[in-house]
Amino acid sequence: MSNLEHRSINLIPFYSIKEYIFSSSVSIKKFAFGNVVGNIAIFIPFGAYLLLFKNNKRVITNLLFVFIVSLFVEIIQGIFGIGASDIDDIILNCLGGLIGILGYKFFLFILRDEKKVHTAITILSVIALPRILFYLFIMKMRF
């Protein structure tokens, strides 16, 4: 069988998520949890890093950038037949990016100093990012 036969493209918003929620299969629910959490978690650092390394701190501008990157990833998956291209992944990736962007803004509100925010995000990255990647790896190995 060719890669073309294994391609999956979903352009209906929330279709996959709805399927996950209403499925009675335990294995699908486990996969769904990993997929949903993974798509959100992998883009949280990306959203925070955008504000960390860019001069433009506007939420909507950075969220648009997250959307474009996520769309690009899904298009590449569709072209090369890597995994599935799913609008729900873009939605979840944008949610993760938004959490990261708002997390940066929250730290800036609390700490009131960009250098302190940079330090806090760097420390969190050293602690949290390996854990997120390990979790995603473990979830991938289970399926």
C-alpha atoms as a PDB file:
ATOM      1  CA  MET A   1       0.000   0.000   0.000  1.00  0.00           C
ATOM      2  CA  SER A   2       1.207   3.486  -0.783  1.00  0.00           C
ATOM      3  CA  ASN A   3       1.370   6.416   1.626  1.00  0.00           C
ATOM      4  CA  LEU A   4      -1.542   7.967  -0.230  1.00  0.00           C
ATOM      5  CA  GLU A   5      -3.851   5.269   1.089  1.00  0.00           C
ATOM      6  CA  HIS A   6      -2.882   6.035   4.711  1.00  0.00           C
ATOM      7  CA  ARG A   7      -3.439   9.791   4.564  1.00  0.00           C
ATOM      8  CA  SER A   8      -6.136  11.255   6.727  1.00  0.00           C
ATOM      9  CA  ILE A   9      -7.354  14.837   6.422  1.00  0.00           C
ATOM     10  CA  ASN A  10     -10.038  16.386   8.625  1.00  0.00           C
ATOM     11  CA  LEU A  11     -11.247  19.884   7.773  1.00  0.00           C
ATOM     12  CA  ILE A  12     -14.302  19.859  10.059  1.00  0.00           C
ATOM     13  CA  PRO A  13     -13.590  21.788  13.289  1.00  0.00           C
ATOM     14  CA  PHE A  14     -14.004  19.759  16.499  1.00  0.00           C
ATOM     15  CA  TYR A  15     -14.874  16.568  14.579  1.00  0.00           C
ATOM     16  CA  SER A  16     -11.982  14.511  15.994  1.00  0.00           C
ATOM     17  CA  ILE A  17     -12.458  15.919  19.468  1.00  0.00           C
ATOM     18  CA  LYS A  18     -16.174  15.053  19.349  1.00  0.00           C
ATOM     19  CA  GLU A  19     -15.301  11.525  18.192  1.00  0.00           C
ATOM     20  CA  TYR A  20     -12.892  11.178  21.126  1.00  0.00           C
ATOM     21  CA  ILE A  21     -15.460  12.392  23.654  1.00  0.00           C
ATOM     22  CA  PHE A  22     -18.302  10.162  22.480  1.00  0.00           C
ATOM     23  CA  SER A  23     -16.245   7.031  21.806  1.00  0.00           C
ATOM     24  CA  SER A  24     -16.914   4.045  24.040  1.00  0.00           C
ATOM     25  CA  SER A  25     -13.495   2.527  23.310  1.00  0.00           C
ATOM     26  CA  VAL A  26     -11.000   2.771  26.176  1.00  0.00           C
ATOM     27  CA  SER A  27      -8.025   2.617  23.796  1.00  0.00           C
ATOM     28  CA  ILE A  28      -9.431   5.488  21.713  1.00  0.00           C
ATOM     29  CA  LYS A  29      -9.997   7.528  24.879  1.00  0.00           C
ATOM     30  CA  LYS A  30      -6.382   6.908  25.971  1.00  0.00           C
ATOM     31  CA  PHE A  31      -5.112   7.862  22.518  1.00  0.00           C
ATOM     32  CA  ALA A  32      -7.388  10.906  22.525  1.00  0.00           C
ATOM     33  CA  PHE A  33      -6.076  12.106  25.870  1.00  0.00           C
ATOM     34  CA  GLY A  34      -2.485  11.846  24.654  1.00  0.00           C
ATOM     35  CA  ASN A  35      -3.334  13.502  21.354  1.00  0.00           C
ATOM     36  CA  VAL A  36      -5.276  16.405  22.869  1.00  0.00           C
ATOM     37  CA  VAL A  37      -2.850  17.022  25.736  1.00  0.00           C
ATOM     38  CA  GLY A  38       0.147  16.532  23.443  1.00  0.00           C
ATOM     39  CA  ASN A  39      -1.061  19.040  20.861  1.00  0.00           C
ATOM     40  CA  ILE A  40      -1.687  21.612  23.570  1.00  0.00           C
ATOM     41  CA  ALA A  41       1.455  20.900  25.614  1.00  0.00           C
ATOM     42  CA  ILE A  42       3.908  21.002  22.726  1.00  0.00           C
ATOM     43  CA  PHE A  43       2.836  24.541  21.775  1.00  0.00           C
ATOM     44  CA  ILE A  44       2.789  26.074  25.276  1.00  0.00           C
ATOM     45  CA  PRO A  45       6.566  26.652  25.292  1.00  0.00           C
ATOM     46  CA  PHE A  46       6.382  27.910  21.699  1.00  0.00           C
ATOM     47  CA  GLY A  47       3.881  30.606  22.692  1.00  0.00           C
ATOM     48  CA  ALA A  48       6.011  31.709  25.640  1.00  0.00           C
ATOM     49  CA  TYR A  49       9.234  31.679  23.593  1.00  0.00           C
ATOM     50  CA  LEU A  50       7.655  33.890  20.934  1.00  0.00           C
ATOM     51  CA  LEU A  51       7.223  36.681  23.450  1.00  0.00           C
ATOM     52  CA  LEU A  52      10.554  35.892  25.048  1.00  0.00           C
ATOM     53  CA  PHE A  53      12.519  36.372  21.813  1.00  0.00           C
ATOM     54  CA  LYS A  54      10.394  38.851  19.832  1.00  0.00           C
ATOM     55  CA  ASN A  55       9.958  42.556  20.377  1.00  0.00           C
ATOM     56  CA  ASN A  56       6.281  42.380  19.426  1.00  0.00           C
ATOM     57  CA  LYS A  57       4.394  41.377  22.584  1.00  0.00           C
ATOM     58  CA  ARG A  58       0.850  41.663  21.171  1.00  0.00           C
ATOM     59  CA  VAL A  59      -1.241  38.577  21.903  1.00  0.00           C
ATOM     60  CA  ILE A  60      -3.132  38.521  18.597  1.00  0.00           C
ATOM     61  CA  THR A  61       0.013  38.969  16.461  1.00  0.00           C
ATOM     62  CA  ASN A  62       1.810  36.136  18.220  1.00  0.00           C
ATOM     63  CA  LEU A  63      -1.270  33.906  18.184  1.00  0.00           C
ATOM     64  CA  LEU A  64      -1.494  34.461  14.424  1.00  0.00           C
ATOM     65  CA  PHE A  65       2.140  33.361  14.145  1.00  0.00           C
ATOM     66  CA  VAL A  66       1.343  30.216  16.176  1.00  0.00           C
ATOM     67  CA  PHE A  67      -1.586  29.546  13.816  1.00  0.00           C
ATOM     68  CA  ILE A  68       0.616  29.933  10.717  1.00  0.00           C
ATOM     69  CA  VAL A  69       3.293  27.599  12.093  1.00  0.00           C
ATOM     70  CA  SER A  70       0.676  25.021  13.101  1.00  0.00           C
ATOM     71  CA  LEU A  71      -1.018  25.265   9.693  1.00  0.00           C
ATOM     72  CA  PHE A  72       2.361  24.784   8.015  1.00  0.00           C
ATOM     73  CA  VAL A  73       3.017  21.660  10.109  1.00  0.00           C
ATOM     74  CA  GLU A  74      -0.381  20.205   9.179  1.00  0.00           C
ATOM     75  CA  ILE A  75       0.164  20.989   5.472  1.00  0.00           C
ATOM     76  CA  ILE A  76       3.555  19.254   5.567  1.00  0.00           C
ATOM     77  CA  GLN A  77       1.930  16.242   7.244  1.00  0.00           C
ATOM     78  CA  GLY A  78      -0.669  16.155   4.484  1.00  0.00           C
ATOM     79  CA  ILE A  79       1.841  16.497   1.658  1.00  0.00           C
ATOM     80  CA  PHE A  80       4.222  13.850   2.957  1.00  0.00           C
ATOM     81  CA  GLY A  81       1.601  11.540   4.454  1.00  0.00           C
ATOM     82  CA  ILE A  82       3.055  11.830   7.943  1.00  0.00           C
ATOM     83  CA  GLY A  83       0.306  11.184  10.456  1.00  0.00           C
ATOM     84  CA  ALA A  84      -3.009  12.913   9.914  1.00  0.00           C
ATOM     85  CA  SER A  85      -3.783  16.479   8.929  1.00  0.00           C
ATOM     86  CA  ASP A  86      -6.497  17.694  11.252  1.00  0.00           C
ATOM     87  CA  ILE A  87      -8.045  21.120  11.818  1.00  0.00           C
ATOM     88  CA  ASP A  88      -8.533  20.069  15.446  1.00  0.00           C
ATOM     89  CA  ASP A  89      -4.756  19.804  15.810  1.00  0.00           C
ATOM     90  CA  ILE A  90      -4.448  23.409  14.643  1.00  0.00           C
ATOM     91  CA  ILE A  91      -7.118  24.481  17.141  1.00  0.00           C
ATOM     92  CA  LEU A  92      -5.380  22.611  19.988  1.00  0.00           C
ATOM     93  CA  ASN A  93      -1.945  23.908  18.955  1.00  0.00           C
ATOM     94  CA  CYS A  94      -3.305  27.469  18.983  1.00  0.00           C
ATOM     95  CA  LEU A  95      -4.798  26.846  22.424  1.00  0.00           C
ATOM     96  CA  GLY A  96      -1.388  25.682  23.652  1.00  0.00           C
ATOM     97  CA  GLY A  97       0.301  28.702  22.064  1.00  0.00           C
ATOM     98  CA  LEU A  98      -2.267  31.002  23.670  1.00  0.00           C
ATOM     99  CA  ILE A  99      -1.621  29.421  27.081  1.00  0.00           C
ATOM    100  CA  GLY A 100       2.105  30.054  26.596  1.00  0.00           C
ATOM    101  CA  ILE A 101       1.527  33.648  25.467  1.00  0.00           C
ATOM    102  CA  LEU A 102      -0.817  34.371  28.375  1.00  0.00           C
ATOM    103  CA  GLY A 103       1.582  32.600  30.751  1.00  0.00           C
ATOM    104  CA  TYR A 104       4.316  35.003  29.667  1.00  0.00           C
ATOM    105  CA  LYS A 105       1.943  37.944  30.173  1.00  0.00           C
ATOM    106  CA  PHE A 106       0.984  36.578  33.608  1.00  0.00           C
ATOM    107  CA  PHE A 107       4.638  36.329  34.661  1.00  0.00           C
ATOM    108  CA  LEU A 108       5.217  39.869  33.404  1.00  0.00           C
ATOM    109  CA  PHE A 109       2.225  41.099  35.428  1.00  0.00           C
ATOM    110  CA  ILE A 110       3.436  39.332  38.592  1.00  0.00           C
ATOM    111  CA  LEU A 111       7.190  39.960  38.275  1.00  0.00           C
ATOM    112  CA  ARG A 112       6.986  43.384  36.553  1.00  0.00           C
ATOM    113  CA  ASP A 113      10.443  42.967  35.022  1.00  0.00           C
ATOM    114  CA  GLU A 114      11.237  41.352  31.665  1.00  0.00           C
ATOM    115  CA  LYS A 115      14.626  40.079  32.868  1.00  0.00           C
ATOM    116  CA  LYS A 116      12.924  38.265  35.750  1.00  0.00           C
ATOM    117  CA  VAL A 117      10.342  36.846  33.333  1.00  0.00           C
ATOM    118  CA  HIS A 118      13.130  35.596  31.058  1.00  0.00           C
ATOM    119  CA  THR A 119      14.813  33.965  34.052  1.00  0.00           C
ATOM    120  CA  ALA A 120      11.549  32.377  35.245  1.00  0.00           C
ATOM    121  CA  ILE A 121      10.732  30.998  31.783  1.00  0.00           C
ATOM    122  CA  THR A 122      14.279  29.684  31.385  1.00  0.00           C
ATOM    123  CA  ILE A 123      14.056  27.874  34.735  1.00  0.00           C
ATOM    124  CA  LEU A 124      10.601  26.493  33.895  1.00  0.00           C
ATOM    125  CA  SER A 125      11.919  25.337  30.524  1.00  0.00           C
ATOM    126  CA  VAL A 126      14.754  23.428  32.132  1.00  0.00           C
ATOM    127  CA  ILE A 127      12.351  21.791  34.587  1.00  0.00           C
ATOM    128  CA  ALA A 128       9.144  21.366  32.568  1.00  0.00           C
ATOM    129  CA  LEU A 129      10.192  20.883  28.937  1.00  0.00           C
ATOM    130  CA  PRO A 130      12.033  17.584  29.490  1.00  0.00           C
ATOM    131  CA  ARG A 131       9.023  16.311  31.457  1.00  0.00           C
ATOM    132  CA  ILE A 132       6.611  17.301  28.688  1.00  0.00           C
ATOM    133  CA  LEU A 133       8.777  15.632  26.052  1.00  0.00           C
ATOM    134  CA  PHE A 134       9.147  12.501  28.199  1.00  0.00           C
ATOM    135  CA  TYR A 135       5.383  12.368  28.735  1.00  0.00           C
ATOM    136  CA  LEU A 136       4.737  12.716  25.007  1.00  0.00           C
ATOM    137  CA  PHE A 137       7.299  10.000  24.286  1.00  0.00           C
ATOM    138  CA  ILE A 138       5.667   7.631  26.800  1.00  0.00           C
ATOM    139  CA  MET A 139       2.211   8.347  25.354  1.00  0.00           C
ATOM    140  CA  LYS A 140       3.532   7.645  21.845  1.00  0.00           C
ATOM    141  CA  MET A 141       5.110   4.355  22.968  1.00  0.00           C
ATOM    142  CA  ARG A 142       1.791   3.145  24.410  1.00  0.00           C
ATOM    143  CA  PHE A 143       0.151   3.177  20.979  1.00  0.00           C
END
